[in-house]
């Protein structure tokens, strides 16, 4: 674990931002997949709304 954080220290700020964006995208895809499993046949608009609700809930319940 210490090696990983040490290696991150050597990255350029732009690289760190890209890693953070990739991680966020991955988390959003996983959450969206969970919603799709819960609500088969859900439309894109409703999926986005439910995803926003989950993100807001997570933000409020830290």
PDB file of N, CA and C in Angstrom:
ATOM      1  N   UNK A   1       0.832  -1.197   0.000  1.00  0.00           N
ATOM      2  CA  UNK A   1       0.000   0.000   0.000  1.00  0.00           C
ATOM      3  C   UNK A   1       0.871   1.254   0.000  1.00  0.00           C
ATOM      4  N   UNK A   2       1.921   1.259   0.796  1.00  0.00           N
ATOM      5  CA  UNK A   2       2.811   2.418   0.836  1.00  0.00           C
ATOM      6  C   UNK A   2       3.469   2.630  -0.520  1.00  0.00           C
ATOM      7  N   UNK A   3       3.801   1.538  -1.194  1.00  0.00           N
ATOM      8  CA  UNK A   3       4.409   1.655  -2.525  1.00  0.00           C
ATOM      9  C   UNK A   3       3.462   2.332  -3.504  1.00  0.00           C
ATOM     10  N   UNK A   4       2.175   1.979  -3.429  1.00  0.00           N
ATOM     11  CA  UNK A   4       1.186   2.584  -4.332  1.00  0.00           C
ATOM     12  C   UNK A   4       1.094   4.082  -4.113  1.00  0.00           C
ATOM     13  N   UNK A   5       1.002   4.510  -2.872  1.00  0.00           N
ATOM     14  CA  UNK A   5       0.873   5.936  -2.601  1.00  0.00           C
ATOM     15  C   UNK A   5       2.169   6.664  -2.950  1.00  0.00           C
ATOM     16  N   UNK A   6       3.288   5.986  -2.771  1.00  0.00           N
ATOM     17  CA  UNK A   6       4.558   6.589  -3.149  1.00  0.00           C
ATOM     18  C   UNK A   6       4.627   6.779  -4.664  1.00  0.00           C
ATOM     19  N   UNK A   7       4.158   5.788  -5.410  1.00  0.00           N
ATOM     20  CA  UNK A   7       4.156   5.890  -6.869  1.00  0.00           C
ATOM     21  C   UNK A   7       3.217   6.996  -7.329  1.00  0.00           C
ATOM     22  N   UNK A   8       2.081   7.151  -6.662  1.00  0.00           N
ATOM     23  CA  UNK A   8       1.150   8.229  -7.033  1.00  0.00           C
ATOM     24  C   UNK A   8       1.793   9.595  -6.852  1.00  0.00           C
ATOM     25  N   UNK A   9       2.677   9.697  -5.893  1.00  0.00           N
ATOM     26  CA  UNK A   9       3.353  10.969  -5.651  1.00  0.00           C
ATOM     27  C   UNK A   9       4.214  11.412  -6.812  1.00  0.00           C
ATOM     28  N   UNK A  10       4.657  10.474  -7.621  1.00  0.00           N
ATOM     29  CA  UNK A  10       5.508  10.796  -8.758  1.00  0.00           C
ATOM     30  C   UNK A  10       4.717  11.167 -10.014  1.00  0.00           C
ATOM     31  N   UNK A  11       3.424  10.996  -9.981  1.00  0.00           N
ATOM     32  CA  UNK A  11       2.606  11.318 -11.152  1.00  0.00           C
ATOM     33  C   UNK A  11       2.424  12.826 -11.283  1.00  0.00           C
ATOM     34  N   UNK A  12       2.271  13.248 -12.530  1.00  0.00           N
ATOM     35  CA  UNK A  12       1.955  14.652 -12.777  1.00  0.00           C
ATOM     36  C   UNK A  12       0.518  14.912 -12.325  1.00  0.00           C
ATOM     37  N   UNK A  13       0.206  16.144 -11.947  1.00  0.00           N
ATOM     38  CA  UNK A  13      -1.158  16.462 -11.512  1.00  0.00           C
ATOM     39  C   UNK A  13      -2.217  16.060 -12.546  1.00  0.00           C
ATOM     40  N   UNK A  14      -1.896  16.240 -13.829  1.00  0.00           N
ATOM     41  CA  UNK A  14      -2.859  15.889 -14.881  1.00  0.00           C
ATOM     42  C   UNK A  14      -3.149  14.384 -14.871  1.00  0.00           C
ATOM     43  N   UNK A  15      -2.112  13.596 -14.602  1.00  0.00           N
ATOM     44  CA  UNK A  15      -2.282  12.146 -14.551  1.00  0.00           C
ATOM     45  C   UNK A  15      -3.150  11.753 -13.355  1.00  0.00           C
ATOM     46  N   UNK A  16      -2.947  12.420 -12.238  1.00  0.00           N
ATOM     47  CA  UNK A  16      -3.757  12.144 -11.051  1.00  0.00           C
ATOM     48  C   UNK A  16      -5.226  12.465 -11.305  1.00  0.00           C
ATOM     49  N   UNK A  17      -5.470  13.573 -12.006  1.00  0.00           N
ATOM     50  CA  UNK A  17      -6.846  13.955 -12.326  1.00  0.00           C
ATOM     51  C   UNK A  17      -7.482  12.907 -13.236  1.00  0.00           C
ATOM     52  N   UNK A  18      -6.747  12.435 -14.239  1.00  0.00           N
ATOM     53  CA  UNK A  18      -7.279  11.411 -15.146  1.00  0.00           C
ATOM     54  C   UNK A  18      -7.588  10.115 -14.402  1.00  0.00           C
ATOM     55  N   UNK A  19      -6.733   9.744 -13.452  1.00  0.00           N
ATOM     56  CA  UNK A  19      -6.990   8.544 -12.650  1.00  0.00           C
ATOM     57  C   UNK A  19      -8.267   8.730 -11.828  1.00  0.00           C
ATOM     58  N   UNK A  20      -8.421   9.906 -11.227  1.00  0.00           N
ATOM     59  CA  UNK A  20      -9.619  10.179 -10.421  1.00  0.00           C
ATOM     60  C   UNK A  20     -10.875  10.140 -11.289  1.00  0.00           C
ATOM     61  N   UNK A  21     -10.798  10.680 -12.489  1.00  0.00           N
ATOM     62  CA  UNK A  21     -11.948  10.661 -13.400  1.00  0.00           C
ATOM     63  C   UNK A  21     -12.288   9.232 -13.793  1.00  0.00           C
ATOM     64  N   UNK A  22     -11.264   8.431 -14.113  1.00  0.00           N
ATOM     65  CA  UNK A  22     -11.496   7.025 -14.469  1.00  0.00           C
ATOM     66  C   UNK A  22     -12.135   6.258 -13.317  1.00  0.00           C
ATOM     67  N   UNK A  23     -11.662   6.513 -12.097  1.00  0.00           N
ATOM     68  CA  UNK A  23     -12.232   5.825 -10.937  1.00  0.00           C
ATOM     69  C   UNK A  23     -13.686   6.237 -10.721  1.00  0.00           C
ATOM     70  N   UNK A  24     -13.969   7.511 -10.881  1.00  0.00           N
ATOM     71  CA  UNK A  24     -15.338   8.007 -10.731  1.00  0.00           C
ATOM     72  C   UNK A  24     -16.250   7.401 -11.786  1.00  0.00           C
ATOM     73  N   UNK A  25     -15.774   7.359 -13.037  1.00  0.00           N
ATOM     74  CA  UNK A  25     -16.560   6.750 -14.107  1.00  0.00           C
ATOM     75  C   UNK A  25     -16.865   5.290 -13.802  1.00  0.00           C
ATOM     76  N   UNK A  26     -15.873   4.584 -13.301  1.00  0.00           N
ATOM     77  CA  UNK A  26     -16.076   3.173 -12.943  1.00  0.00           C
ATOM     78  C   UNK A  26     -17.126   3.015 -11.856  1.00  0.00           C
ATOM     79  N   UNK A  27     -17.064   3.858 -10.846  1.00  0.00           N
ATOM     80  CA  UNK A  27     -18.052   3.795  -9.763  1.00  0.00           C
ATOM     81  C   UNK A  27     -19.455   4.095 -10.283  1.00  0.00           C
ATOM     82  N   UNK A  28     -19.570   5.072 -11.165  1.00  0.00           N
ATOM     83  CA  UNK A  28     -20.878   5.415 -11.725  1.00  0.00           C
ATOM     84  C   UNK A  28     -21.427   4.281 -12.572  1.00  0.00           C
ATOM     85  N   UNK A  29     -20.554   3.615 -13.345  1.00  0.00           N
ATOM     86  CA  UNK A  29     -21.011   2.486 -14.158  1.00  0.00           C
ATOM     87  C   UNK A  29     -21.502   1.341 -13.278  1.00  0.00           C
ATOM     88  N   UNK A  30     -20.790   1.067 -12.204  1.00  0.00           N
ATOM     89  CA  UNK A  30     -21.194  -0.002 -11.287  1.00  0.00           C
ATOM     90  C   UNK A  30     -22.542   0.332 -10.654  1.00  0.00           C
ATOM     91  N   UNK A  31     -22.706   1.570 -10.226  1.00  0.00           N
ATOM     92  CA  UNK A  31     -23.973   1.993  -9.619  1.00  0.00           C
ATOM     93  C   UNK A  31     -25.105   1.906 -10.637  1.00  0.00           C
ATOM     94  N   UNK A  32     -24.862   2.360 -11.867  1.00  0.00           N
ATOM     95  CA  UNK A  32     -25.888   2.296 -12.911  1.00  0.00           C
ATOM     96  C   UNK A  32     -26.257   0.852 -13.221  1.00  0.00           C
ATOM     97  N   UNK A  33     -25.270  -0.040 -13.241  1.00  0.00           N
ATOM     98  CA  UNK A  33     -25.557  -1.461 -13.482  1.00  0.00           C
ATOM     99  C   UNK A  33     -26.435  -2.031 -12.371  1.00  0.00           C
ATOM    100  N   UNK A  34     -26.184  -1.611 -11.133  1.00  0.00           N
ATOM    101  CA  UNK A  34     -27.020  -2.061 -10.025  1.00  0.00           C
ATOM    102  C   UNK A  34     -28.457  -1.590 -10.171  1.00  0.00           C
ATOM    103  N   UNK A  35     -28.629  -0.354 -10.601  1.00  0.00           N
ATOM    104  CA  UNK A  35     -29.973   0.180 -10.824  1.00  0.00           C
ATOM    105  C   UNK A  35     -30.659  -0.596 -11.943  1.00  0.00           C
ATOM    106  N   UNK A  36     -29.925  -0.880 -13.019  1.00  0.00           N
ATOM    107  CA  UNK A  36     -30.507  -1.644 -14.133  1.00  0.00           C
ATOM    108  C   UNK A  36     -30.948  -3.037 -13.683  1.00  0.00           C
ATOM    109  N   UNK A  37     -30.177  -3.655 -12.785  1.00  0.00           N
ATOM    110  CA  UNK A  37     -30.582  -4.973 -12.274  1.00  0.00           C
ATOM    111  C   UNK A  37     -31.826  -4.869 -11.414  1.00  0.00           C
ATOM    112  N   UNK A  38     -31.926  -3.794 -10.651  1.00  0.00           N
ATOM    113  CA  UNK A  38     -33.086  -3.584  -9.794  1.00  0.00           C
ATOM    114  C   UNK A  38     -34.334  -3.262 -10.601  1.00  0.00           C
ATOM    115  N   UNK A  39     -34.146  -2.549 -11.694  1.00  0.00           N
ATOM    116  CA  UNK A  39     -35.271  -2.078 -12.507  1.00  0.00           C
ATOM    117  C   UNK A  39     -35.057  -2.476 -13.969  1.00  0.00           C
ATOM    118  N   UNK A  40     -35.267  -3.740 -14.296  1.00  0.00           N
ATOM    119  CA  UNK A  40     -35.077  -4.180 -15.689  1.00  0.00           C
ATOM    120  C   UNK A  40     -35.955  -3.360 -16.641  1.00  0.00           C
ATOM    121  N   UNK A  41     -35.407  -2.996 -17.767  1.00  0.00           N
ATOM    122  CA  UNK A  41     -36.163  -2.241 -18.757  1.00  0.00           C
ATOM    123  C   UNK A  41     -36.231  -0.753 -18.475  1.00  0.00           C
ATOM    124  N   UNK A  42     -35.497  -0.266 -17.481  1.00  0.00           N
ATOM    125  CA  UNK A  42     -35.521   1.157 -17.140  1.00  0.00           C
ATOM    126  C   UNK A  42     -34.991   1.974 -18.323  1.00  0.00           C
ATOM    127  N   UNK A  43     -35.606   3.110 -18.563  1.00  0.00           N
ATOM    128  CA  UNK A  43     -35.165   3.998 -19.633  1.00  0.00           C
ATOM    129  C   UNK A  43     -33.985   4.847 -19.187  1.00  0.00           C
ATOM    130  N   UNK A  44     -33.309   5.437 -20.154  1.00  0.00           N
ATOM    131  CA  UNK A  44     -32.124   6.233 -19.846  1.00  0.00           C
ATOM    132  C   UNK A  44     -32.426   7.421 -18.934  1.00  0.00           C
ATOM    133  N   UNK A  45     -33.511   8.117 -19.192  1.00  0.00           N
ATOM    134  CA  UNK A  45     -33.848   9.294 -18.387  1.00  0.00           C
ATOM    135  C   UNK A  45     -34.110   8.902 -16.933  1.00  0.00           C
ATOM    136  N   UNK A  46     -34.867   7.825 -16.746  1.00  0.00           N
ATOM    137  CA  UNK A  46     -35.164   7.378 -15.377  1.00  0.00           C
ATOM    138  C   UNK A  46     -33.899   6.837 -14.702  1.00  0.00           C
ATOM    139  N   UNK A  47     -33.055   6.161 -15.463  1.00  0.00           N
ATOM    140  CA  UNK A  47     -31.793   5.658 -14.918  1.00  0.00           C
ATOM    141  C   UNK A  47     -30.945   6.815 -14.400  1.00  0.00           C
ATOM    142  N   UNK A  48     -30.830   7.872 -15.189  1.00  0.00           N
ATOM    143  CA  UNK A  48     -30.055   9.028 -14.752  1.00  0.00           C
ATOM    144  C   UNK A  48     -30.648   9.670 -13.505  1.00  0.00           C
ATOM    145  N   UNK A  49     -31.967   9.739 -13.445  1.00  0.00           N
ATOM    146  CA  UNK A  49     -32.625  10.313 -12.263  1.00  0.00           C
ATOM    147  C   UNK A  49     -32.342   9.474 -11.019  1.00  0.00           C
ATOM    148  N   UNK A  50     -32.460   8.168 -11.139  1.00  0.00           N
ATOM    149  CA  UNK A  50     -32.189   7.291  -9.995  1.00  0.00           C
ATOM    150  C   UNK A  50     -30.717   7.342  -9.598  1.00  0.00           C
ATOM    151  N   UNK A  51     -29.833   7.456 -10.578  1.00  0.00           N
ATOM    152  CA  UNK A  51     -28.409   7.574 -10.296  1.00  0.00           C
ATOM    153  C   UNK A  51     -28.133   8.875  -9.532  1.00  0.00           C
ATOM    154  N   UNK A  52     -28.752   9.955  -9.973  1.00  0.00           N
ATOM    155  CA  UNK A  52     -28.604  11.236  -9.257  1.00  0.00           C
ATOM    156  C   UNK A  52     -29.123  11.122  -7.821  1.00  0.00           C
ATOM    157  N   UNK A  53     -30.261  10.456  -7.648  1.00  0.00           N
ATOM    158  CA  UNK A  53     -30.820  10.279  -6.302  1.00  0.00           C
ATOM    159  C   UNK A  53     -29.852   9.516  -5.409  1.00  0.00           C
ATOM    160  N   UNK A  54     -29.269   8.453  -5.933  1.00  0.00           N
ATOM    161  CA  UNK A  54     -28.325   7.659  -5.134  1.00  0.00           C
ATOM    162  C   UNK A  54     -27.086   8.463  -4.781  1.00  0.00           C
ATOM    163  N   UNK A  55     -26.591   9.241  -5.716  1.00  0.00           N
ATOM    164  CA  UNK A  55     -25.419  10.046  -5.432  1.00  0.00           C
ATOM    165  C   UNK A  55     -25.726  11.115  -4.388  1.00  0.00           C
ATOM    166  N   UNK A  56     -26.884  11.726  -4.497  1.00  0.00           N
ATOM    167  CA  UNK A  56     -27.296  12.723  -3.513  1.00  0.00           C
ATOM    168  C   UNK A  56     -27.472  12.074  -2.141  1.00  0.00           C
ATOM    169  N   UNK A  57     -28.087  10.888  -2.091  1.00  0.00           N
ATOM    170  CA  UNK A  57     -28.258  10.183  -0.820  1.00  0.00           C
ATOM    171  C   UNK A  57     -26.910   9.883  -0.200  1.00  0.00           C
ATOM    172  N   UNK A  58     -25.961   9.424  -1.013  1.00  0.00           N
ATOM    173  CA  UNK A  58     -24.635   9.099  -0.511  1.00  0.00           C
ATOM    174  C   UNK A  58     -23.941  10.349   0.035  1.00  0.00           C
ATOM    175  N   UNK A  59     -24.134  11.473  -0.650  1.00  0.00           N
ATOM    176  CA  UNK A  59     -23.512  12.717  -0.211  1.00  0.00           C
ATOM    177  C   UNK A  59     -24.092  13.174   1.133  1.00  0.00           C
ATOM    178  N   UNK A  60     -25.401  13.010   1.288  1.00  0.00           N
ATOM    179  CA  UNK A  60     -26.058  13.459   2.524  1.00  0.00           C
ATOM    180  C   UNK A  60     -25.800  12.534   3.707  1.00  0.00           C
ATOM    181  N   UNK A  61     -25.448  11.283   3.427  1.00  0.00           N
ATOM    182  CA  UNK A  61     -25.293  10.291   4.498  1.00  0.00           C
ATOM    183  C   UNK A  61     -23.843   9.880   4.739  1.00  0.00           C
ATOM    184  N   UNK A  62     -22.948  10.809   4.594  1.00  0.00           N
ATOM    185  CA  UNK A  62     -21.535  10.516   4.872  1.00  0.00           C
ATOM    186  C   UNK A  62     -21.278  10.486   6.333  1.00  0.00           C
TER     187      UNK A  62
END
